[in-house]
């Protein structure tokens, strides 16, 4: 395999991984980061973002501000 073909194959493989990121994965990643940053602070244990399912439920009930 020449270098150009290997480069193209690598780029295409990397780009397919970009489509696998869902809004839920991004939300849970942010939630986990905030939870990790709160370790060792005086923040209450349940302080922070709710689970994604709860977030979606509240979001669907709340009227949009448009």
PDB file of N, CA and C in Angstrom:
ATOM      1  N   UNK A   1       0.847  -1.175   0.000  1.00  0.00           N
ATOM      2  CA  UNK A   1       0.000   0.000   0.000  1.00  0.00           C
ATOM      3  C   UNK A   1       0.891   1.236   0.000  1.00  0.00           C
ATOM      4  N   UNK A   2       0.567   2.189  -0.841  1.00  0.00           N
ATOM      5  CA  UNK A   2       1.383   3.398  -0.845  1.00  0.00           C
ATOM      6  C   UNK A   2       0.919   4.349   0.260  1.00  0.00           C
ATOM      7  N   UNK A   3       1.667   5.398   0.467  1.00  0.00           N
ATOM      8  CA  UNK A   3       1.407   6.320   1.582  1.00  0.00           C
ATOM      9  C   UNK A   3       0.098   7.089   1.420  1.00  0.00           C
ATOM     10  N   UNK A   4      -0.234   7.466   0.196  1.00  0.00           N
ATOM     11  CA  UNK A   4      -1.477   8.221  -0.021  1.00  0.00           C
ATOM     12  C   UNK A   4      -2.699   7.369   0.317  1.00  0.00           C
ATOM     13  N   UNK A   5      -2.690   6.119  -0.097  1.00  0.00           N
ATOM     14  CA  UNK A   5      -3.823   5.233   0.187  1.00  0.00           C
ATOM     15  C   UNK A   5      -3.955   4.995   1.692  1.00  0.00           C
ATOM     16  N   UNK A   6      -2.843   4.839   2.362  1.00  0.00           N
ATOM     17  CA  UNK A   6      -2.867   4.639   3.813  1.00  0.00           C
ATOM     18  C   UNK A   6      -3.393   5.883   4.518  1.00  0.00           C
ATOM     19  N   UNK A   7      -2.997   7.049   4.052  1.00  0.00           N
ATOM     20  CA  UNK A   7      -3.476   8.300   4.634  1.00  0.00           C
ATOM     21  C   UNK A   7      -4.983   8.451   4.434  1.00  0.00           C
ATOM     22  N   UNK A   8      -5.465   8.179   3.241  1.00  0.00           N
ATOM     23  CA  UNK A   8      -6.895   8.276   2.958  1.00  0.00           C
ATOM     24  C   UNK A   8      -7.674   7.284   3.820  1.00  0.00           C
ATOM     25  N   UNK A   9      -7.182   6.066   3.926  1.00  0.00           N
ATOM     26  CA  UNK A   9      -7.848   5.055   4.748  1.00  0.00           C
ATOM     27  C   UNK A   9      -7.900   5.490   6.208  1.00  0.00           C
ATOM     28  N   UNK A  10      -6.830   6.063   6.710  1.00  0.00           N
ATOM     29  CA  UNK A  10      -6.787   6.541   8.091  1.00  0.00           C
ATOM     30  C   UNK A  10      -7.778   7.676   8.308  1.00  0.00           C
ATOM     31  N   UNK A  11      -7.830   8.620   7.380  1.00  0.00           N
ATOM     32  CA  UNK A  11      -8.757   9.743   7.507  1.00  0.00           C
ATOM     33  C   UNK A  11     -10.208   9.287   7.447  1.00  0.00           C
ATOM     34  N   UNK A  12     -10.523   8.384   6.546  1.00  0.00           N
ATOM     35  CA  UNK A  12     -11.898   7.891   6.440  1.00  0.00           C
ATOM     36  C   UNK A  12     -12.308   7.120   7.689  1.00  0.00           C
ATOM     37  N   UNK A  13     -11.391   6.354   8.232  1.00  0.00           N
ATOM     38  CA  UNK A  13     -11.689   5.620   9.473  1.00  0.00           C
ATOM     39  C   UNK A  13     -11.940   6.597  10.626  1.00  0.00           C
ATOM     40  N   UNK A  14     -11.139   7.640  10.696  1.00  0.00           N
ATOM     41  CA  UNK A  14     -11.318   8.645  11.744  1.00  0.00           C
ATOM     42  C   UNK A  14     -12.619   9.398  11.596  1.00  0.00           C
ATOM     43  N   UNK A  15     -13.020   9.699  10.376  1.00  0.00           N
ATOM     44  CA  UNK A  15     -14.257  10.444  10.148  1.00  0.00           C
ATOM     45  C   UNK A  15     -15.490   9.612  10.476  1.00  0.00           C
ATOM     46  N   UNK A  16     -15.432   8.321  10.289  1.00  0.00           N
ATOM     47  CA  UNK A  16     -16.603   7.498  10.618  1.00  0.00           C
ATOM     48  C   UNK A  16     -16.858   7.496  12.122  1.00  0.00           C
ATOM     49  N   UNK A  17     -15.823   7.635  12.910  1.00  0.00           N
ATOM     50  CA  UNK A  17     -15.993   7.701  14.354  1.00  0.00           C
ATOM     51  C   UNK A  17     -16.685   8.965  14.810  1.00  0.00           C
ATOM     52  N   UNK A  18     -16.597  10.034  14.035  1.00  0.00           N
ATOM     53  CA  UNK A  18     -17.245  11.300  14.391  1.00  0.00           C
ATOM     54  C   UNK A  18     -18.764  11.175  14.374  1.00  0.00           C
ATOM     55  N   UNK A  19     -19.305  10.336  13.547  1.00  0.00           N
ATOM     56  CA  UNK A  19     -20.751  10.170  13.459  1.00  0.00           C
ATOM     57  C   UNK A  19     -21.330   9.380  14.608  1.00  0.00           C
ATOM     58  N   UNK A  20     -20.506   8.773  15.424  1.00  0.00           N
ATOM     59  CA  UNK A  20     -20.990   7.951  16.525  1.00  0.00           C
ATOM     60  C   UNK A  20     -21.234   8.744  17.799  1.00  0.00           C
ATOM     61  N   UNK A  21     -20.929  10.025  17.794  1.00  0.00           N
ATOM     62  CA  UNK A  21     -21.124  10.856  18.973  1.00  0.00           C
ATOM     63  C   UNK A  21     -22.565  11.342  19.010  1.00  0.00           C
ATOM     64  N   UNK A  22     -23.285  10.929  20.031  1.00  0.00           N
ATOM     65  CA  UNK A  22     -24.689  11.319  20.174  1.00  0.00           C
ATOM     66  C   UNK A  22     -24.807  12.471  21.179  1.00  0.00           C
ATOM     67  N   UNK A  23     -25.921  13.179  21.134  1.00  0.00           N
ATOM     68  CA  UNK A  23     -26.132  14.230  22.141  1.00  0.00           C
ATOM     69  C   UNK A  23     -26.101  13.667  23.561  1.00  0.00           C
ATOM     70  N   UNK A  24     -26.598  12.443  23.730  1.00  0.00           N
ATOM     71  CA  UNK A  24     -26.593  11.827  25.055  1.00  0.00           C
ATOM     72  C   UNK A  24     -25.160  11.582  25.527  1.00  0.00           C
ATOM     73  N   UNK A  25     -24.289  11.138  24.634  1.00  0.00           N
ATOM     74  CA  UNK A  25     -22.899  10.893  25.012  1.00  0.00           C
ATOM     75  C   UNK A  25     -22.198  12.188  25.411  1.00  0.00           C
ATOM     76  N   UNK A  26     -22.453  13.246  24.678  1.00  0.00           N
ATOM     77  CA  UNK A  26     -21.856  14.542  25.004  1.00  0.00           C
ATOM     78  C   UNK A  26     -22.359  15.021  26.359  1.00  0.00           C
ATOM     79  N   UNK A  27     -23.678  14.934  26.587  1.00  0.00           N
ATOM     80  CA  UNK A  27     -24.277  15.372  27.845  1.00  0.00           C
ATOM     81  C   UNK A  27     -23.698  14.572  29.019  1.00  0.00           C
ATOM     82  N   UNK A  28     -23.643  13.246  28.874  1.00  0.00           N
ATOM     83  CA  UNK A  28     -23.134  12.409  29.959  1.00  0.00           C
ATOM     84  C   UNK A  28     -21.647  12.675  30.212  1.00  0.00           C
ATOM     85  N   UNK A  29     -20.900  13.022  29.163  1.00  0.00           N
ATOM     86  CA  UNK A  29     -19.492  13.363  29.340  1.00  0.00           C
ATOM     87  C   UNK A  29     -19.329  14.638  30.150  1.00  0.00           C
ATOM     88  N   UNK A  30     -20.142  15.631  29.848  1.00  0.00           N
ATOM     89  CA  UNK A  30     -20.107  16.888  30.606  1.00  0.00           C
ATOM     90  C   UNK A  30     -20.525  16.641  32.047  1.00  0.00           C
ATOM     91  N   UNK A  31     -21.553  15.826  32.225  1.00  0.00           N
ATOM     92  CA  UNK A  31     -22.042  15.498  33.573  1.00  0.00           C
ATOM     93  C   UNK A  31     -20.956  14.794  34.389  1.00  0.00           C
ATOM     94  N   UNK A  32     -20.255  13.849  33.764  1.00  0.00           N
ATOM     95  CA  UNK A  32     -19.188  13.121  34.453  1.00  0.00           C
ATOM     96  C   UNK A  32     -18.031  14.042  34.807  1.00  0.00           C
ATOM     97  N   UNK A  33     -17.715  14.979  33.911  1.00  0.00           N
ATOM     98  CA  UNK A  33     -16.634  15.920  34.178  1.00  0.00           C
ATOM     99  C   UNK A  33     -16.987  16.818  35.357  1.00  0.00           C
ATOM    100  N   UNK A  34     -18.209  17.320  35.391  1.00  0.00           N
ATOM    101  CA  UNK A  34     -18.625  18.167  36.512  1.00  0.00           C
ATOM    102  C   UNK A  34     -18.617  17.388  37.817  1.00  0.00           C
ATOM    103  N   UNK A  35     -19.036  16.140  37.757  1.00  0.00           N
ATOM    104  CA  UNK A  35     -19.055  15.300  38.953  1.00  0.00           C
ATOM    105  C   UNK A  35     -17.632  15.064  39.459  1.00  0.00           C
ATOM    106  N   UNK A  36     -16.693  14.829  38.546  1.00  0.00           N
ATOM    107  CA  UNK A  36     -15.300  14.606  38.926  1.00  0.00           C
ATOM    108  C   UNK A  36     -14.675  15.873  39.512  1.00  0.00           C
ATOM    109  N   UNK A  37     -15.034  17.019  38.965  1.00  0.00           N
ATOM    110  CA  UNK A  37     -14.490  18.276  39.482  1.00  0.00           C
ATOM    111  C   UNK A  37     -15.032  18.604  40.867  1.00  0.00           C
ATOM    112  N   UNK A  38     -16.209  18.077  41.202  1.00  0.00           N
ATOM    113  CA  UNK A  38     -16.825  18.363  42.494  1.00  0.00           C
ATOM    114  C   UNK A  38     -16.238  17.520  43.628  1.00  0.00           C
ATOM    115  N   UNK A  39     -15.476  16.485  43.289  1.00  0.00           N
ATOM    116  CA  UNK A  39     -14.877  15.632  44.315  1.00  0.00           C
ATOM    117  C   UNK A  39     -13.917  16.459  45.159  1.00  0.00           C
ATOM    118  N   UNK A  40     -14.081  16.374  46.451  1.00  0.00           N
ATOM    119  CA  UNK A  40     -13.213  17.111  47.361  1.00  0.00           C
ATOM    120  C   UNK A  40     -13.691  18.518  47.671  1.00  0.00           C
ATOM    121  N   UNK A  41     -14.844  18.893  47.144  1.00  0.00           N
ATOM    122  CA  UNK A  41     -15.402  20.210  47.441  1.00  0.00           C
ATOM    123  C   UNK A  41     -16.557  20.039  48.419  1.00  0.00           C
ATOM    124  N   UNK A  42     -17.154  21.134  48.788  1.00  0.00           N
ATOM    125  CA  UNK A  42     -18.278  21.088  49.720  1.00  0.00           C
ATOM    126  C   UNK A  42     -19.617  20.942  49.010  1.00  0.00           C
ATOM    127  N   UNK A  43     -19.609  20.654  47.716  1.00  0.00           N
ATOM    128  CA  UNK A  43     -20.857  20.514  46.956  1.00  0.00           C
ATOM    129  C   UNK A  43     -21.606  19.275  47.421  1.00  0.00           C
ATOM    130  N   UNK A  44     -22.935  19.379  47.564  1.00  0.00           N
ATOM    131  CA  UNK A  44     -23.707  18.205  47.953  1.00  0.00           C
ATOM    132  C   UNK A  44     -23.605  17.115  46.888  1.00  0.00           C
ATOM    133  N   UNK A  45     -23.755  15.846  47.266  1.00  0.00           N
ATOM    134  CA  UNK A  45     -23.578  14.735  46.329  1.00  0.00           C
ATOM    135  C   UNK A  45     -24.504  14.780  45.118  1.00  0.00           C
ATOM    136  N   UNK A  46     -25.737  15.224  45.273  1.00  0.00           N
ATOM    137  CA  UNK A  46     -26.688  15.232  44.171  1.00  0.00           C
ATOM    138  C   UNK A  46     -26.738  16.570  43.444  1.00  0.00           C
ATOM    139  N   UNK A  47     -25.789  17.434  43.729  1.00  0.00           N
ATOM    140  CA  UNK A  47     -25.724  18.736  43.072  1.00  0.00           C
ATOM    141  C   UNK A  47     -25.151  18.559  41.668  1.00  0.00           C
ATOM    142  N   UNK A  48     -25.707  19.263  40.710  1.00  0.00           N
ATOM    143  CA  UNK A  48     -25.180  19.175  39.355  1.00  0.00           C
ATOM    144  C   UNK A  48     -26.252  18.774  38.367  1.00  0.00           C
ATOM    145  N   UNK A  49     -25.818  18.338  37.220  1.00  0.00           N
ATOM    146  CA  UNK A  49     -26.742  17.985  36.150  1.00  0.00           C
ATOM    147  C   UNK A  49     -27.476  16.679  36.451  1.00  0.00           C
ATOM    148  N   UNK A  50     -28.758  16.610  36.067  1.00  0.00           N
ATOM    149  CA  UNK A  50     -29.489  15.355  36.240  1.00  0.00           C
ATOM    150  C   UNK A  50     -29.073  14.347  35.166  1.00  0.00           C
ATOM    151  N   UNK A  51     -29.525  13.105  35.285  1.00  0.00           N
ATOM    152  CA  UNK A  51     -29.271  12.096  34.257  1.00  0.00           C
ATOM    153  C   UNK A  51     -29.900  12.558  32.944  1.00  0.00           C
ATOM    154  N   UNK A  52     -29.402  12.056  31.838  1.00  0.00           N
ATOM    155  CA  UNK A  52     -29.878  12.492  30.519  1.00  0.00           C
ATOM    156  C   UNK A  52     -31.361  12.204  30.342  1.00  0.00           C
ATOM    157  N   UNK A  53     -31.837  11.065  30.824  1.00  0.00           N
ATOM    158  CA  UNK A  53     -33.258  10.731  30.685  1.00  0.00           C
ATOM    159  C   UNK A  53     -34.132  11.762  31.395  1.00  0.00           C
ATOM    160  N   UNK A  54     -33.732  12.159  32.594  1.00  0.00           N
ATOM    161  CA  UNK A  54     -34.475  13.170  33.340  1.00  0.00           C
ATOM    162  C   UNK A  54     -34.405  14.521  32.633  1.00  0.00           C
ATOM    163  N   UNK A  55     -33.244  14.853  32.107  1.00  0.00           N
ATOM    164  CA  UNK A  55     -33.067  16.102  31.361  1.00  0.00           C
ATOM    165  C   UNK A  55     -34.004  16.145  30.152  1.00  0.00           C
ATOM    166  N   UNK A  56     -34.067  15.059  29.385  1.00  0.00           N
ATOM    167  CA  UNK A  56     -34.944  15.003  28.214  1.00  0.00           C
ATOM    168  C   UNK A  56     -36.419  15.091  28.613  1.00  0.00           C
ATOM    169  N   UNK A  57     -36.773  14.459  29.715  1.00  0.00           N
ATOM    170  CA  UNK A  57     -38.161  14.486  30.190  1.00  0.00           C
ATOM    171  C   UNK A  57     -38.563  15.915  30.554  1.00  0.00           C
ATOM    172  N   UNK A  58     -37.710  16.603  31.309  1.00  0.00           N
ATOM    173  CA  UNK A  58     -37.995  17.987  31.693  1.00  0.00           C
ATOM    174  C   UNK A  58     -38.018  18.898  30.475  1.00  0.00           C
ATOM    175  N   UNK A  59     -37.148  18.651  29.548  1.00  0.00           N
ATOM    176  CA  UNK A  59     -37.061  19.474  28.351  1.00  0.00           C
ATOM    177  C   UNK A  59     -38.298  19.315  27.469  1.00  0.00           C
ATOM    178  N   UNK A  60     -38.843  18.102  27.387  1.00  0.00           N
ATOM    179  CA  UNK A  60     -40.010  17.881  26.542  1.00  0.00           C
ATOM    180  C   UNK A  60     -41.296  18.451  27.167  1.00  0.00           C
ATOM    181  N   UNK A  61     -41.338  18.551  28.485  1.00  0.00           N
ATOM    182  CA  UNK A  61     -42.511  19.088  29.183  1.00  0.00           C
ATOM    183  C   UNK A  61     -42.507  20.597  29.142  1.00  0.00           C
ATOM    184  N   UNK A  62     -41.353  21.201  29.259  1.00  0.00           N
ATOM    185  CA  UNK A  62     -41.209  22.653  29.327  1.00  0.00           C
ATOM    186  C   UNK A  62     -41.526  23.288  27.975  1.00  0.00           C
ATOM    187  N   UNK A  63     -42.363  24.340  27.941  1.00  0.00           N
ATOM    188  CA  UNK A  63     -42.627  25.017  26.659  1.00  0.00           C
ATOM    189  C   UNK A  63     -41.383  25.740  26.176  1.00  0.00           C
ATOM    190  N   UNK A  64     -41.201  25.773  24.887  1.00  0.00           N
ATOM    191  CA  UNK A  64     -40.025  26.416  24.313  1.00  0.00           C
ATOM    192  C   UNK A  64     -40.195  27.932  24.333  1.00  0.00           C
ATOM    193  N   UNK A  65     -39.097  28.608  24.528  1.00  0.00           N
ATOM    194  CA  UNK A  65     -39.089  30.076  24.571  1.00  0.00           C
ATOM    195  C   UNK A  65     -38.666  30.617  23.215  1.00  0.00           C
ATOM    196  N   UNK A  66     -39.551  30.592  22.273  1.00  0.00           N
ATOM    197  CA  UNK A  66     -39.216  31.106  20.934  1.00  0.00           C
ATOM    198  C   UNK A  66     -39.970  32.340  20.619  1.00  0.00           C
TER     199      UNK A  66
END
